[in-house]
Amino acid sequence: MNCTRLYITILFIFLSVELGFSQELKTDSTDKVISSLDTTQNNATKIKKHSPRKATIFSAVLPGLGQAYNRKYWKIPIVYAGFAFFGKTAYDNNVLYHDFKDAYDHKVLNDSTPAVNGYEQRFDVAKLLLIKRQYRRDRDYMIIISSLWYILNIVDASVDANLFYWEVDENLSLELSPQFQNYSYLQKPKMGLTLRLHF
């Protein structure tokens, strides 16, 4: 399927936005503020903590709502663009599947009535069956991918909520460089890649 690489790329980009960073928990300042407020006000005012459970539920009820709760507003258009793309592709494949199915059924029955569409005249029975199955398979793939996109939306909201009080370390870097290794038993040096993660 030609579009499979595009779908996998979109999913990879969506997942890797947050996963490439090292993070530190702001324990000292946040905990001190919360504990001092709790003790001075004698629990008169409760401090609202960011809840991963709420983010997960919000995102399950309405995709994108968990991202809004996490204040990652820029992810909401990505979530809905994915649903729109997968839904439109599934719809188009479904329409073509039914067109080829009608043409196949009409041709198999050897009905004397006029052709149901142009596909019946352009393709023989075997080709109509093959194309019909292909569009049905592509439609089903799009439905499965849409379901995975929905689950990914929930997972993303939950992960973001769990990392809400973490900050990105500016000293983090990832370095990819070529490396040559000389082995005594080889006549030529062997080339490879080195991946270094600096904290």
C-alpha atoms as a PDB file:
ATOM      1  CA  MET A   1       0.000   0.000   0.000  1.00  0.00           C
ATOM      2  CA  ASN A   2       1.514   3.295  -1.128  1.00  0.00           C
ATOM      3  CA  CYS A   3       0.145   5.444   1.709  1.00  0.00           C
ATOM      4  CA  THR A   4       1.420   3.181   4.521  1.00  0.00           C
ATOM      5  CA  ARG A   5       4.795   4.960   4.713  1.00  0.00           C
ATOM      6  CA  LEU A   6       3.075   8.333   5.031  1.00  0.00           C
ATOM      7  CA  TYR A   7       0.856   7.102   7.867  1.00  0.00           C
ATOM      8  CA  ILE A   8       3.796   5.577   9.729  1.00  0.00           C
ATOM      9  CA  THR A   9       5.790   8.805   9.271  1.00  0.00           C
ATOM     10  CA  ILE A  10       2.936  10.889  10.685  1.00  0.00           C
ATOM     11  CA  LEU A  11       2.622   8.577  13.690  1.00  0.00           C
ATOM     12  CA  PHE A  12       6.399   8.641  14.230  1.00  0.00           C
ATOM     13  CA  ILE A  13       6.522  12.450  14.144  1.00  0.00           C
ATOM     14  CA  PHE A  14       3.615  12.703  16.562  1.00  0.00           C
ATOM     15  CA  LEU A  15       5.243  10.281  18.993  1.00  0.00           C
ATOM     16  CA  SER A  16       8.771  11.679  18.788  1.00  0.00           C
ATOM     17  CA  VAL A  17       7.838  15.288  19.565  1.00  0.00           C
ATOM     18  CA  GLU A  18       8.100  14.737  23.313  1.00  0.00           C
ATOM     19  CA  LEU A  19      10.284  11.609  23.565  1.00  0.00           C
ATOM     20  CA  GLY A  20      13.633  13.029  22.403  1.00  0.00           C
ATOM     21  CA  PHE A  21      14.295  15.101  25.464  1.00  0.00           C
ATOM     22  CA  SER A  22      15.682  14.461  28.935  1.00  0.00           C
ATOM     23  CA  GLN A  23      13.718  16.067  31.706  1.00  0.00           C
ATOM     24  CA  GLU A  24      14.153  17.065  35.328  1.00  0.00           C
ATOM     25  CA  LEU A  25      11.483  17.223  37.968  1.00  0.00           C
ATOM     26  CA  LYS A  26      11.074  20.599  39.661  1.00  0.00           C
ATOM     27  CA  THR A  27      10.749  19.043  43.074  1.00  0.00           C
ATOM     28  CA  ASP A  28      12.269  21.680  45.316  1.00  0.00           C
ATOM     29  CA  SER A  29      10.421  24.828  44.274  1.00  0.00           C
ATOM     30  CA  THR A  30       7.035  23.236  43.576  1.00  0.00           C
ATOM     31  CA  ASP A  31       6.963  21.102  46.739  1.00  0.00           C
ATOM     32  CA  LYS A  32       8.078  24.002  48.941  1.00  0.00           C
ATOM     33  CA  VAL A  33       5.389  26.308  47.573  1.00  0.00           C
ATOM     34  CA  ILE A  34       2.669  23.673  47.955  1.00  0.00           C
ATOM     35  CA  SER A  35       3.729  22.674  51.478  1.00  0.00           C
ATOM     36  CA  SER A  36       4.036  26.276  52.655  1.00  0.00           C
ATOM     37  CA  LEU A  37       0.630  27.183  51.274  1.00  0.00           C
ATOM     38  CA  ASP A  38      -0.946  24.108  52.852  1.00  0.00           C
ATOM     39  CA  THR A  39       0.522  24.794  56.274  1.00  0.00           C
ATOM     40  CA  THR A  40      -0.149  28.532  56.345  1.00  0.00           C
ATOM     41  CA  GLN A  41      -3.720  28.350  55.128  1.00  0.00           C
ATOM     42  CA  ASN A  42      -4.583  25.224  57.157  1.00  0.00           C
ATOM     43  CA  ASN A  43      -5.996  23.495  54.083  1.00  0.00           C
ATOM     44  CA  ALA A  44      -8.484  26.313  53.575  1.00  0.00           C
ATOM     45  CA  THR A  45      -7.456  26.549  49.945  1.00  0.00           C
ATOM     46  CA  LYS A  46      -6.552  23.380  48.106  1.00  0.00           C
ATOM     47  CA  ILE A  47      -3.763  23.499  45.551  1.00  0.00           C
ATOM     48  CA  LYS A  48      -4.807  22.101  42.204  1.00  0.00           C
ATOM     49  CA  LYS A  49      -2.285  19.610  40.927  1.00  0.00           C
ATOM     50  CA  HIS A  50      -2.051  18.584  37.302  1.00  0.00           C
ATOM     51  CA  SER A  51      -3.796  15.219  37.025  1.00  0.00           C
ATOM     52  CA  PRO A  52      -2.724  12.616  34.448  1.00  0.00           C
ATOM     53  CA  ARG A  53      -6.020  10.821  35.081  1.00  0.00           C
ATOM     54  CA  LYS A  54      -8.006  13.895  34.039  1.00  0.00           C
ATOM     55  CA  ALA A  55      -5.894  14.373  30.917  1.00  0.00           C
ATOM     56  CA  THR A  56      -6.446  10.746  29.927  1.00  0.00           C
ATOM     57  CA  ILE A  57     -10.213  10.910  30.496  1.00  0.00           C
ATOM     58  CA  PHE A  58     -10.538  14.250  28.686  1.00  0.00           C
ATOM     59  CA  SER A  59      -8.636  12.922  25.688  1.00  0.00           C
ATOM     60  CA  ALA A  60     -10.700   9.722  25.618  1.00  0.00           C
ATOM     61  CA  VAL A  61     -13.995  11.634  25.741  1.00  0.00           C
ATOM     62  CA  LEU A  62     -13.001  14.262  23.160  1.00  0.00           C
ATOM     63  CA  PRO A  63      -9.729  13.909  21.241  1.00  0.00           C
ATOM     64  CA  GLY A  64      -7.582  16.996  21.707  1.00  0.00           C
ATOM     65  CA  LEU A  65      -9.178  17.986  25.020  1.00  0.00           C
ATOM     66  CA  GLY A  66      -6.406  16.244  26.968  1.00  0.00           C
ATOM     67  CA  GLN A  67      -3.823  18.189  24.955  1.00  0.00           C
ATOM     68  CA  ALA A  68      -5.679  21.418  25.809  1.00  0.00           C
ATOM     69  CA  TYR A  69      -5.683  20.436  29.499  1.00  0.00           C
ATOM     70  CA  ASN A  70      -1.907  19.899  29.257  1.00  0.00           C
ATOM     71  CA  ARG A  71      -1.573  23.342  27.590  1.00  0.00           C
ATOM     72  CA  LYS A  72      -0.133  21.771  24.429  1.00  0.00           C
ATOM     73  CA  TYR A  73      -2.547  23.639  22.177  1.00  0.00           C
ATOM     74  CA  TRP A  74      -0.356  23.237  19.082  1.00  0.00           C
ATOM     75  CA  LYS A  75      -1.031  19.465  19.115  1.00  0.00           C
ATOM     76  CA  ILE A  76      -4.814  19.848  18.719  1.00  0.00           C
ATOM     77  CA  PRO A  77      -4.702  20.656  14.967  1.00  0.00           C
ATOM     78  CA  ILE A  78      -2.371  17.670  14.447  1.00  0.00           C
ATOM     79  CA  VAL A  79      -4.830  15.353  16.213  1.00  0.00           C
ATOM     80  CA  TYR A  80      -7.775  16.521  14.108  1.00  0.00           C
ATOM     81  CA  ALA A  81      -5.752  16.649  10.884  1.00  0.00           C
ATOM     82  CA  GLY A  82      -4.908  12.966  11.422  1.00  0.00           C
ATOM     83  CA  PHE A  83      -8.546  12.059  12.006  1.00  0.00           C
ATOM     84  CA  ALA A  84      -9.625  14.083   8.955  1.00  0.00           C
ATOM     85  CA  PHE A  85      -6.987  12.491   6.723  1.00  0.00           C
ATOM     86  CA  PHE A  86      -7.645   8.906   7.819  1.00  0.00           C
ATOM     87  CA  GLY A  87     -11.413   9.410   7.768  1.00  0.00           C
ATOM     88  CA  LYS A  88     -11.411  10.938   4.282  1.00  0.00           C
ATOM     89  CA  THR A  89      -9.159   8.178   2.937  1.00  0.00           C
ATOM     90  CA  ALA A  90     -11.385   5.497   4.498  1.00  0.00           C
ATOM     91  CA  TYR A  91     -14.477   7.165   3.019  1.00  0.00           C
ATOM     92  CA  ASP A  92     -12.939   7.385  -0.485  1.00  0.00           C
ATOM     93  CA  ASN A  93     -11.845   3.746  -0.361  1.00  0.00           C
ATOM     94  CA  ASN A  94     -15.319   2.724   0.804  1.00  0.00           C
ATOM     95  CA  VAL A  95     -16.996   4.570  -2.104  1.00  0.00           C
ATOM     96  CA  LEU A  96     -14.664   2.945  -4.635  1.00  0.00           C
ATOM     97  CA  TYR A  97     -15.128  -0.451  -2.989  1.00  0.00           C
ATOM     98  CA  HIS A  98     -18.916  -0.224  -3.406  1.00  0.00           C
ATOM     99  CA  ASP A  99     -18.566   0.988  -7.006  1.00  0.00           C
ATOM    100  CA  PHE A 100     -16.388  -1.972  -7.948  1.00  0.00           C
ATOM    101  CA  LYS A 101     -18.570  -4.340  -5.921  1.00  0.00           C
ATOM    102  CA  ASP A 102     -21.675  -3.201  -7.831  1.00  0.00           C
ATOM    103  CA  ALA A 103     -19.849  -3.556 -11.137  1.00  0.00           C
ATOM    104  CA  TYR A 104     -18.572  -7.020 -10.175  1.00  0.00           C
ATOM    105  CA  ASP A 105     -21.984  -8.245  -8.967  1.00  0.00           C
ATOM    106  CA  HIS A 106     -23.719  -6.945 -12.097  1.00  0.00           C
ATOM    107  CA  LYS A 107     -21.151  -8.541 -14.406  1.00  0.00           C
ATOM    108  CA  VAL A 108     -21.213 -11.902 -12.603  1.00  0.00           C
ATOM    109  CA  LEU A 109     -25.025 -12.073 -12.808  1.00  0.00           C
ATOM    110  CA  ASN A 110     -24.861 -11.384 -16.581  1.00  0.00           C
ATOM    111  CA  ASP A 111     -27.723  -8.977 -16.146  1.00  0.00           C
ATOM    112  CA  SER A 112     -29.151  -7.653 -19.426  1.00  0.00           C
ATOM    113  CA  THR A 113     -29.774  -4.219 -17.918  1.00  0.00           C
ATOM    114  CA  PRO A 114     -27.324  -1.399 -18.733  1.00  0.00           C
ATOM    115  CA  ALA A 115     -23.989  -1.307 -16.905  1.00  0.00           C
ATOM    116  CA  VAL A 116     -24.130   0.141 -13.402  1.00  0.00           C
ATOM    117  CA  ASN A 117     -20.955   2.209 -13.932  1.00  0.00           C
ATOM    118  CA  GLY A 118     -17.976   2.598 -16.231  1.00  0.00           C
ATOM    119  CA  TYR A 119     -15.833   0.093 -14.345  1.00  0.00           C
ATOM    120  CA  GLU A 120     -17.954  -2.805 -15.570  1.00  0.00           C
ATOM    121  CA  GLN A 121     -17.091  -2.034 -19.184  1.00  0.00           C
ATOM    122  CA  ARG A 122     -13.404  -1.338 -18.557  1.00  0.00           C
ATOM    123  CA  PHE A 123     -12.463  -4.444 -16.532  1.00  0.00           C
ATOM    124  CA  ASP A 124     -13.132  -8.165 -16.713  1.00  0.00           C
ATOM    125  CA  VAL A 125     -14.575 -10.177 -13.790  1.00  0.00           C
ATOM    126  CA  ALA A 126     -11.213 -11.247 -12.328  1.00  0.00           C
ATOM    127  CA  LYS A 127      -9.843  -7.690 -12.371  1.00  0.00           C
ATOM    128  CA  LEU A 128     -13.044  -6.288 -10.831  1.00  0.00           C
ATOM    129  CA  LEU A 129     -12.801  -8.825  -8.000  1.00  0.00           C
ATOM    130  CA  LEU A 130      -9.132  -7.987  -7.385  1.00  0.00           C
ATOM    131  CA  ILE A 131      -9.712  -4.222  -7.307  1.00  0.00           C
ATOM    132  CA  LYS A 132     -12.809  -4.607  -5.123  1.00  0.00           C
ATOM    133  CA  ARG A 133     -10.812  -6.585  -2.543  1.00  0.00           C
ATOM    134  CA  GLN A 134      -7.972  -4.066  -2.645  1.00  0.00           C
ATOM    135  CA  TYR A 135     -10.255  -1.112  -1.873  1.00  0.00           C
ATOM    136  CA  ARG A 136     -11.995  -3.056   0.894  1.00  0.00           C
ATOM    137  CA  ARG A 137      -8.620  -3.904   2.431  1.00  0.00           C
ATOM    138  CA  ASP A 138      -7.435  -0.268   2.186  1.00  0.00           C
ATOM    139  CA  ARG A 139     -10.669   0.944   3.786  1.00  0.00           C
ATOM    140  CA  ASP A 140     -10.253  -1.509   6.660  1.00  0.00           C
ATOM    141  CA  TYR A 141      -6.620  -0.444   7.130  1.00  0.00           C
ATOM    142  CA  MET A 142      -7.713   3.184   7.406  1.00  0.00           C
ATOM    143  CA  ILE A 143     -10.289   2.287  10.052  1.00  0.00           C
ATOM    144  CA  ILE A 144      -7.635   0.405  12.045  1.00  0.00           C
ATOM    145  CA  ILE A 145      -5.152   3.280  11.691  1.00  0.00           C
ATOM    146  CA  SER A 146      -7.837   5.758  12.826  1.00  0.00           C
ATOM    147  CA  SER A 147      -8.398   3.629  15.932  1.00  0.00           C
ATOM    148  CA  LEU A 148      -4.662   3.587  16.602  1.00  0.00           C
ATOM    149  CA  TRP A 149      -4.559   7.371  16.096  1.00  0.00           C
ATOM    150  CA  TYR A 150      -7.311   7.717  18.729  1.00  0.00           C
ATOM    151  CA  ILE A 151      -5.357   5.547  21.179  1.00  0.00           C
ATOM    152  CA  LEU A 152      -2.177   7.507  20.403  1.00  0.00           C
ATOM    153  CA  ASN A 153      -4.031  10.736  21.211  1.00  0.00           C
ATOM    154  CA  ILE A 154      -4.921   9.330  24.654  1.00  0.00           C
ATOM    155  CA  VAL A 155      -1.382   8.034  25.292  1.00  0.00           C
ATOM    156  CA  ASP A 156       0.116  11.379  24.272  1.00  0.00           C
ATOM    157  CA  ALA A 157      -2.155  13.296  26.657  1.00  0.00           C
ATOM    158  CA  SER A 158      -1.356  10.898  29.498  1.00  0.00           C
ATOM    159  CA  VAL A 159       2.422  11.064  28.947  1.00  0.00           C
ATOM    160  CA  ASP A 160       2.337  14.871  28.704  1.00  0.00           C
ATOM    161  CA  ALA A 161       0.354  15.085  31.936  1.00  0.00           C
ATOM    162  CA  ASN A 162       2.811  12.800  33.746  1.00  0.00           C
ATOM    163  CA  LEU A 163       5.708  14.976  32.543  1.00  0.00           C
ATOM    164  CA  PHE A 164       3.898  18.261  33.221  1.00  0.00           C
ATOM    165  CA  TYR A 165       6.218  19.324  36.078  1.00  0.00           C
ATOM    166  CA  TRP A 166       9.361  18.233  34.284  1.00  0.00           C
ATOM    167  CA  GLU A 167      11.553  20.654  32.403  1.00  0.00           C
ATOM    168  CA  VAL A 168      13.855  20.097  29.448  1.00  0.00           C
ATOM    169  CA  ASP A 169      17.534  20.091  30.294  1.00  0.00           C
ATOM    170  CA  GLU A 170      19.335  22.521  28.000  1.00  0.00           C
ATOM    171  CA  ASN A 171      22.613  20.604  28.317  1.00  0.00           C
ATOM    172  CA  LEU A 172      21.168  17.539  26.614  1.00  0.00           C
ATOM    173  CA  SER A 173      22.543  16.788  23.170  1.00  0.00           C
ATOM    174  CA  LEU A 174      22.564  13.854  20.798  1.00  0.00           C
ATOM    175  CA  GLU A 175      25.557  13.469  18.505  1.00  0.00           C
ATOM    176  CA  LEU A 176      25.797  11.113  15.537  1.00  0.00           C
ATOM    177  CA  SER A 177      29.231  10.810  13.964  1.00  0.00           C
ATOM    178  CA  PRO A 178      31.112   8.415  11.679  1.00  0.00           C
ATOM    179  CA  GLN A 179      33.756   6.202  13.224  1.00  0.00           C
ATOM    180  CA  PHE A 180      36.617   4.224  11.686  1.00  0.00           C
ATOM    181  CA  GLN A 181      37.913   1.144  13.453  1.00  0.00           C
ATOM    182  CA  ASN A 182      41.136  -0.639  12.593  1.00  0.00           C
ATOM    183  CA  TYR A 183      41.139  -4.327  13.348  1.00  0.00           C
ATOM    184  CA  SER A 184      44.338  -6.304  13.048  1.00  0.00           C
ATOM    185  CA  TYR A 185      42.686  -9.084  11.048  1.00  0.00           C
ATOM    186  CA  LEU A 186      41.134  -6.714   8.485  1.00  0.00           C
ATOM    187  CA  GLN A 187      43.091  -5.211   5.606  1.00  0.00           C
ATOM    188  CA  LYS A 188      40.880  -2.119   5.449  1.00  0.00           C
ATOM    189  CA  PRO A 189      39.509  -0.026   8.309  1.00  0.00           C
ATOM    190  CA  LYS A 190      35.871  -0.683   9.067  1.00  0.00           C
ATOM    191  CA  MET A 191      33.460   2.247   9.024  1.00  0.00           C
ATOM    192  CA  GLY A 192      30.597   2.631  11.470  1.00  0.00           C
ATOM    193  CA  LEU A 193      28.478   5.186  13.289  1.00  0.00           C
ATOM    194  CA  THR A 194      28.757   6.401  16.854  1.00  0.00           C
ATOM    195  CA  LEU A 195      25.764   7.753  18.760  1.00  0.00           C
ATOM    196  CA  ARG A 196      26.598   9.836  21.843  1.00  0.00           C
ATOM    197  CA  LEU A 197      24.029  11.145  24.308  1.00  0.00           C
ATOM    198  CA  HIS A 198      25.394  13.961  26.517  1.00  0.00           C
ATOM    199  CA  PHE A 199      23.651  14.862  29.779  1.00  0.00           C
END
